[in-house]
Amino acid sequence: MITNTKEQQSSQSIVADMMGKKYYEFESDIVVDSTSIRSICAASYNVNPLFWDESVAEAIVGACIAPPSSVSAWLRPHFWSPTVNDNARALKLHFDLKERFGVPEGVMVDNELTMFTPVRTGERLRTYQTLRSVSEEKQVKLGLGRFWVIDVVIENLAGERCAIDRYTGLGYRKIQNDE
């Protein structure tokens, strides 16, 4: 039987305070370009003429676009730059939740990419993270923890939503064996 302790009340207030807010807004300095698109397609053996032939892309979509699966590539910060940004760590909200809930371990258990407006050559993208939900504590095979869902919202600089990259994470404490 679960009782409503002060610790649980504190966890619930952390979740309520964080839900739906924008975290870690980031504007990429990478410009989407056809050379990079072709490199991405070559690395993944993507033969779709939409990404190789500009006349096909113009006829079908009205612009040269990037493969939908490459959307996060345009947001990856360089490992080093003269303007290092500490907030550039991928899925930083996941690490914040681990810290706030006092769970040392964490894994991503699901990922779903929903596309909206295509990413076109010449564009730059921006992103932010939003907490969608947090479960109550649960006992799972890995230990005692909770699940959370984080949306990584991706827009072009015109404010058009290009994609939502939804992650389900699990933060947990390992099971201690008394052997």
Foldseek 3Di string as FASTA:
>chain_A
DDDCDPLNVQVVVVCVVQAPDWALKFWFPAFAALVVLVVVCVVVVPPPVLSVPQVVVCVPPNARFHPQVCQCVLLQDDPDDPPDDPSNPPPVVQVVVLVVSVFPDKDWDDKDKDFDDTHGGGWIKIWTKGWHDKADWDQDPQAIWIKTKMWIWMDTPVGHTTMTIIIIMIGHHGDDDPD
